[in-house]
Amino acid sequence: MTRGRFQTRYLLYIPMVLAALFYLLPLYIMLVTGFKSFSEVSLATMWELPSGLYLDNFIEAFRALAPYLANSVRMVVPAAIISSIIGSINGYALAKWKFPGADIIFPAMLFGMFIPYQSILIPLVEFMKDINIFGVSLYGTVPGLIVTHVIYGIPFTTLTFRNYYATIPRELLEAGRMDGANIFGIYRSIILPISIPAFVVVLIWQFTSAWNDFLFAVVLTNPQAWPVTVALNNMAGSQIIAWNVQMAGSFLAALPTLLVYIFLGNYFLRGLMAGALKG
């Protein structure tokens, strides 16, 4: 590598580092403010480091948010898993088993990705009020949120798996047929074992999308079923806001998605590069 190319390569890191610092600034403010005492919190000193580490802020925030963190986990994990499984089956059928109407069904499913949430809130609320499972209404409950995120996640998961399965050689399916496997046997024995990269992509994406949701959560749930995003919004007092506790709570609410990308980010990128989003 010549000296000019070496310098050009490292010049490319400058905008990336600046962009990273820009996006990390809110996290810095959250942590710095979360460790400060109430008397230290002000706009004039928000960039300054705290005089000490006040862990009481995080303890208080965790006590206030713990039930709602549990609601988020109960909602996010089933929603991500169910939508991923349905998307995998849909993608397999659309990519490898052409049937009449497939060219119409697939674009119709993708259309769901572009429907604004706000445009369907009123019919969604009425639908949830009318639907009962074992005599229990879905409206105002965690299962209602699970159903909502599963349905809204199906277009993305279907697209991801369909494009991933399109890269799989058809000879693998033909070999399965020659061994006597039917459509479900081929999926179970051949397709599913090599689907891990795509599953990682959609699970991480769906987990993040459902965890960070606020609009559906605030409209479709009652206070007992609030996820952490809604509870965090309601931590602010009516007269005086304890911003140090609020920032500590914000960090706790963001921590699960941060950990997912810190520990699984490499697998996410490998899944993308393996063809999960290739046409």
Protein backbone atom coordinates (compact mmCIF):
# COMPACT_ATOMS: atom_id res chain seq x y z
CA MET A 1 0.00 0.00 0.00
CA THR A 2 1.44 3.37 -1.01
CA ARG A 3 1.73 6.24 1.44
CA GLY A 4 -1.04 8.17 -0.36
CA ARG A 5 -3.49 5.29 -0.12
CA PHE A 6 -2.54 4.77 3.52
CA GLN A 7 -3.32 8.41 4.33
CA THR A 8 -6.57 8.36 2.35
CA ARG A 9 -7.71 5.25 4.19
CA TYR A 10 -7.24 6.85 7.58
CA LEU A 11 -8.85 10.11 6.44
CA LEU A 12 -12.04 8.10 5.95
CA TYR A 13 -12.08 7.36 9.67
CA ILE A 14 -12.44 11.05 10.56
CA PRO A 15 -16.11 11.45 9.50
CA MET A 16 -16.94 8.05 11.00
CA VAL A 17 -15.41 8.99 14.35
CA LEU A 18 -17.20 12.35 14.32
CA ALA A 19 -20.50 10.64 13.53
CA ALA A 20 -19.96 8.12 16.32
CA LEU A 21 -19.22 10.90 18.82
CA PHE A 22 -22.33 12.78 17.71
CA TYR A 23 -24.58 9.77 18.28
CA LEU A 24 -22.91 8.94 21.59
CA LEU A 25 -23.52 12.41 23.04
CA PRO A 26 -27.05 11.61 24.31
CA LEU A 27 -25.69 8.50 26.04
CA TYR A 28 -22.97 10.60 27.68
CA ILE A 29 -25.52 13.15 28.92
CA MET A 30 -27.73 10.35 30.28
CA LEU A 31 -24.90 8.74 32.23
CA VAL A 32 -23.37 11.98 33.53
CA THR A 33 -26.75 13.35 34.66
CA GLY A 34 -27.83 9.99 36.06
CA PHE A 35 -24.84 9.91 38.41
CA LYS A 36 -25.33 13.49 39.67
CA SER A 37 -27.15 14.65 42.77
CA PHE A 38 -30.29 16.72 42.26
CA SER A 39 -28.47 19.93 43.25
CA GLU A 40 -25.87 19.43 40.51
CA VAL A 41 -28.40 19.12 37.68
CA SER A 42 -28.63 22.23 35.51
CA LEU A 43 -28.27 23.25 31.87
CA ALA A 44 -25.15 25.25 32.70
CA THR A 45 -23.29 22.21 34.04
CA MET A 46 -24.83 19.38 32.04
CA TRP A 47 -21.52 18.61 30.28
CA GLU A 48 -19.54 18.47 33.50
CA LEU A 49 -18.71 15.21 35.25
CA PRO A 50 -20.52 14.51 38.55
CA SER A 51 -18.78 15.21 41.86
CA GLY A 52 -19.55 11.64 42.90
CA LEU A 53 -21.38 8.53 41.76
CA TYR A 54 -24.92 8.72 43.14
CA LEU A 55 -26.15 5.17 42.57
CA ASP A 56 -29.34 5.97 44.47
CA ASN A 57 -30.68 7.51 41.26
CA PHE A 58 -30.42 4.18 39.45
CA ILE A 59 -31.85 2.27 42.41
CA GLU A 60 -34.85 4.59 42.58
CA ALA A 61 -35.36 4.45 38.82
CA PHE A 62 -35.13 0.66 38.78
CA ARG A 63 -37.67 0.32 41.58
CA ALA A 64 -40.08 2.54 39.66
CA LEU A 65 -39.55 0.79 36.32
CA ALA A 66 -39.06 -2.85 37.34
CA PRO A 67 -42.68 -4.01 36.76
CA TYR A 68 -42.75 -2.28 33.38
CA LEU A 69 -39.38 -3.71 32.37
CA ALA A 70 -40.94 -7.12 33.02
CA ASN A 71 -43.91 -6.17 30.83
CA SER A 72 -41.54 -5.20 28.02
CA VAL A 73 -39.71 -8.52 28.25
CA ARG A 74 -43.01 -10.43 28.28
CA MET A 75 -44.07 -8.52 25.19
CA VAL A 76 -40.86 -8.33 23.16
CA VAL A 77 -39.57 -11.91 23.39
CA PRO A 78 -42.74 -13.68 22.11
CA ALA A 79 -43.38 -10.97 19.50
CA ALA A 80 -39.86 -11.27 18.06
CA ILE A 81 -39.86 -15.09 18.05
CA ILE A 82 -43.36 -15.54 16.61
CA SER A 83 -42.96 -12.94 13.85
CA SER A 84 -39.56 -14.45 12.93
CA ILE A 85 -40.98 -17.97 12.63
CA ILE A 86 -43.95 -16.80 10.54
CA GLY A 87 -41.64 -14.70 8.36
CA SER A 88 -39.35 -17.70 7.83
CA ILE A 89 -42.22 -19.90 6.68
CA ASN A 90 -43.61 -17.15 4.44
CA GLY A 91 -40.20 -16.42 2.95
CA TYR A 92 -39.60 -20.10 2.25
CA ALA A 93 -42.93 -20.48 0.47
CA LEU A 94 -42.51 -17.29 -1.56
CA ALA A 95 -38.88 -17.93 -2.52
CA LYS A 96 -38.87 -21.65 -3.32
CA TRP A 97 -42.44 -22.73 -3.95
CA LYS A 98 -44.07 -20.66 -6.65
CA PHE A 99 -47.86 -20.83 -6.46
CA PRO A 100 -50.70 -18.94 -8.16
CA GLY A 101 -50.97 -15.43 -6.78
CA ALA A 102 -47.50 -15.35 -5.20
CA ASP A 103 -46.55 -12.29 -7.24
CA ILE A 104 -49.58 -10.49 -5.81
CA ILE A 105 -49.36 -11.70 -2.22
CA PHE A 106 -45.72 -10.73 -1.73
CA PRO A 107 -46.09 -7.05 -2.78
CA ALA A 108 -49.32 -6.85 -0.77
CA MET A 109 -47.47 -8.05 2.33
CA LEU A 110 -44.66 -5.57 1.75
CA PHE A 111 -47.22 -2.79 1.54
CA GLY A 112 -47.73 -3.26 5.27
CA MET A 113 -44.21 -1.89 5.89
CA PHE A 114 -45.24 1.50 4.52
CA ILE A 115 -48.53 2.00 6.36
CA PRO A 116 -48.07 4.75 8.98
CA TYR A 117 -48.93 3.60 12.48
CA GLN A 118 -51.07 6.68 13.09
CA SER A 119 -53.38 5.91 10.18
CA ILE A 120 -54.60 2.61 11.64
CA LEU A 121 -54.79 3.44 15.35
CA ILE A 122 -58.57 3.93 15.53
CA PRO A 123 -59.50 0.74 13.64
CA LEU A 124 -56.78 -1.13 15.55
CA VAL A 125 -58.22 -0.07 18.90
CA GLU A 126 -61.74 -1.08 17.83
CA PHE A 127 -60.42 -4.41 16.55
CA MET A 128 -58.61 -5.12 19.81
CA LYS A 129 -61.73 -4.28 21.82
CA ASP A 130 -63.81 -6.74 19.76
CA ILE A 131 -61.34 -9.64 19.79
CA ASN A 132 -61.42 -11.96 22.79
CA ILE A 133 -59.17 -14.93 23.52
CA PHE A 134 -60.60 -17.33 26.11
CA GLY A 135 -63.03 -14.61 27.13
CA VAL A 136 -60.28 -12.00 27.68
CA SER A 137 -60.15 -8.87 25.52
CA LEU A 138 -56.84 -8.11 23.83
CA TYR A 139 -57.27 -4.40 24.40
CA GLY A 140 -55.26 -3.03 27.30
CA THR A 141 -53.16 -6.16 27.73
CA VAL A 142 -49.65 -7.38 26.95
CA PRO A 143 -50.97 -10.13 24.60
CA GLY A 144 -52.67 -7.40 22.58
CA LEU A 145 -49.31 -5.68 22.10
CA ILE A 146 -47.71 -8.99 21.17
CA VAL A 147 -50.31 -9.58 18.43
CA THR A 148 -49.82 -6.03 17.13
CA HIS A 149 -46.03 -6.31 16.87
CA VAL A 150 -46.24 -9.77 15.34
CA ILE A 151 -48.56 -8.53 12.59
CA TYR A 152 -46.53 -5.38 11.94
CA GLY A 153 -43.30 -7.39 11.96
CA ILE A 154 -44.41 -9.98 9.38
CA PRO A 155 -43.72 -7.79 6.29
CA PHE A 156 -40.11 -7.15 7.33
CA THR A 157 -39.41 -10.71 8.44
CA THR A 158 -40.99 -12.12 5.26
CA LEU A 159 -38.91 -9.83 3.05
CA THR A 160 -35.71 -10.70 4.90
CA PHE A 161 -36.22 -14.47 4.78
CA ARG A 162 -37.54 -14.45 1.23
CA ASN A 163 -34.43 -12.64 -0.04
CA TYR A 164 -32.17 -14.86 2.05
CA TYR A 165 -33.75 -18.08 0.79
CA ALA A 166 -33.56 -16.82 -2.80
CA THR A 167 -29.76 -17.20 -2.56
CA ILE A 168 -29.99 -20.90 -1.59
CA PRO A 169 -29.28 -23.20 -4.57
CA ARG A 170 -32.35 -25.06 -5.80
CA GLU A 171 -30.22 -28.21 -6.04
CA LEU A 172 -30.47 -28.53 -2.25
CA LEU A 173 -34.24 -28.71 -2.48
CA GLU A 174 -34.07 -31.18 -5.35
CA ALA A 175 -31.77 -33.40 -3.29
CA GLY A 176 -34.31 -33.35 -0.49
CA ARG A 177 -37.09 -34.31 -2.87
CA MET A 178 -35.04 -37.21 -4.20
CA ASP A 179 -34.63 -38.42 -0.59
CA GLY A 180 -38.42 -38.41 -0.23
CA ALA A 181 -38.87 -35.24 1.83
CA ASN A 182 -42.02 -33.20 1.32
CA ILE A 183 -42.28 -29.41 1.49
CA PHE A 184 -42.27 -29.39 5.31
CA GLY A 185 -39.52 -31.98 5.53
CA ILE A 186 -37.28 -29.91 3.27
CA TYR A 187 -37.92 -26.83 5.40
CA ARG A 188 -37.23 -28.66 8.66
CA SER A 189 -34.18 -30.64 7.55
CA ILE A 190 -32.50 -28.39 4.99
CA ILE A 191 -33.74 -24.80 5.10
CA LEU A 192 -34.11 -24.24 8.84
CA PRO A 193 -30.57 -25.35 9.85
CA ILE A 194 -28.98 -22.84 7.45
CA SER A 195 -31.31 -19.99 8.42
CA ILE A 196 -29.45 -18.89 11.56
CA PRO A 197 -27.91 -15.73 9.98
CA ALA A 198 -31.33 -14.55 8.81
CA PHE A 199 -32.93 -15.38 12.16
CA VAL A 200 -30.28 -13.33 13.96
CA VAL A 201 -31.02 -10.32 11.76
CA VAL A 202 -34.80 -10.41 12.17
CA LEU A 203 -34.72 -11.26 15.88
CA ILE A 204 -32.44 -8.32 16.67
CA TRP A 205 -34.46 -6.00 14.44
CA GLN A 206 -37.80 -7.08 15.87
CA PHE A 207 -36.51 -6.98 19.44
CA THR A 208 -35.30 -3.40 19.00
CA SER A 209 -38.43 -2.26 17.17
CA ALA A 210 -40.84 -3.70 19.75
CA TRP A 211 -38.78 -2.61 22.77
CA ASN A 212 -38.55 1.00 21.58
CA ASP A 213 -42.23 1.27 20.61
CA PHE A 214 -44.20 3.99 22.34
CA LEU A 215 -47.21 4.77 20.14
CA PHE A 216 -48.86 1.35 20.15
CA ALA A 217 -47.97 0.88 23.81
CA VAL A 218 -49.53 4.12 25.03
CA VAL A 219 -52.71 3.61 22.97
CA LEU A 220 -53.35 -0.11 23.40
CA THR A 221 -52.44 -0.79 27.05
CA ASN A 222 -53.72 0.11 30.48
CA PRO A 223 -51.37 1.19 33.31
CA GLN A 224 -50.89 -2.39 34.56
CA ALA A 225 -49.67 -3.52 31.13
CA TRP A 226 -47.48 -0.52 30.27
CA PRO A 227 -44.08 -1.37 28.80
CA VAL A 228 -41.06 0.52 30.02
CA THR A 229 -41.22 3.25 27.34
CA VAL A 230 -44.63 4.45 28.56
CA ALA A 231 -43.70 4.14 32.23
CA LEU A 232 -40.54 6.17 31.63
CA ASN A 233 -42.58 8.95 30.06
CA ASN A 234 -44.80 9.03 33.17
CA MET A 235 -41.90 9.19 35.65
CA ALA A 236 -41.77 12.98 35.26
CA GLY A 237 -43.54 14.76 38.08
CA SER A 238 -46.11 17.46 37.57
CA GLN A 239 -44.22 20.17 39.51
CA ILE A 240 -40.55 19.25 39.87
CA ILE A 241 -38.79 16.77 37.59
CA ALA A 242 -35.88 14.88 39.09
CA TRP A 243 -33.81 14.84 35.92
CA ASN A 244 -31.06 12.77 37.50
CA VAL A 245 -33.53 9.97 38.26
CA GLN A 246 -35.21 10.46 34.87
CA MET A 247 -31.87 10.11 33.07
CA ALA A 248 -30.97 7.05 35.12
CA GLY A 249 -34.30 5.52 34.12
CA SER A 250 -33.68 6.41 30.47
CA PHE A 251 -30.37 4.58 30.58
CA LEU A 252 -31.97 1.51 32.19
CA ALA A 253 -34.69 1.51 29.52
CA ALA A 254 -32.12 1.75 26.72
CA LEU A 255 -29.70 -0.77 28.26
CA PRO A 256 -31.27 -3.99 26.83
CA THR A 257 -31.06 -2.79 23.23
CA LEU A 258 -27.54 -1.47 23.83
CA LEU A 259 -26.44 -4.85 25.16
CA VAL A 260 -28.07 -6.65 22.23
CA TYR A 261 -26.08 -4.63 19.70
CA ILE A 262 -22.87 -4.69 21.74
CA PHE A 263 -22.81 -8.48 22.10
CA LEU A 264 -24.70 -9.50 18.94
CA GLY A 265 -23.72 -6.69 16.57
CA ASN A 266 -21.15 -8.85 14.79
CA TYR A 267 -23.72 -11.57 14.20
CA PHE A 268 -26.15 -8.94 12.92
CA LEU A 269 -23.62 -7.72 10.37
CA ARG A 270 -22.72 -11.27 9.35
CA GLY A 271 -26.39 -11.99 8.79
CA LEU A 272 -26.73 -8.95 6.57
CA MET A 273 -23.60 -9.84 4.62
CA ALA A 274 -24.78 -13.44 4.26
CA GLY A 275 -27.58 -12.23 2.06
CA ALA A 276 -30.39 -11.48 4.47
CA LEU A 277 -31.18 -8.21 2.74
CA LYS A 278 -29.96 -8.98 -0.75
CA GLY A 279 -32.37 -8.93 -3.64
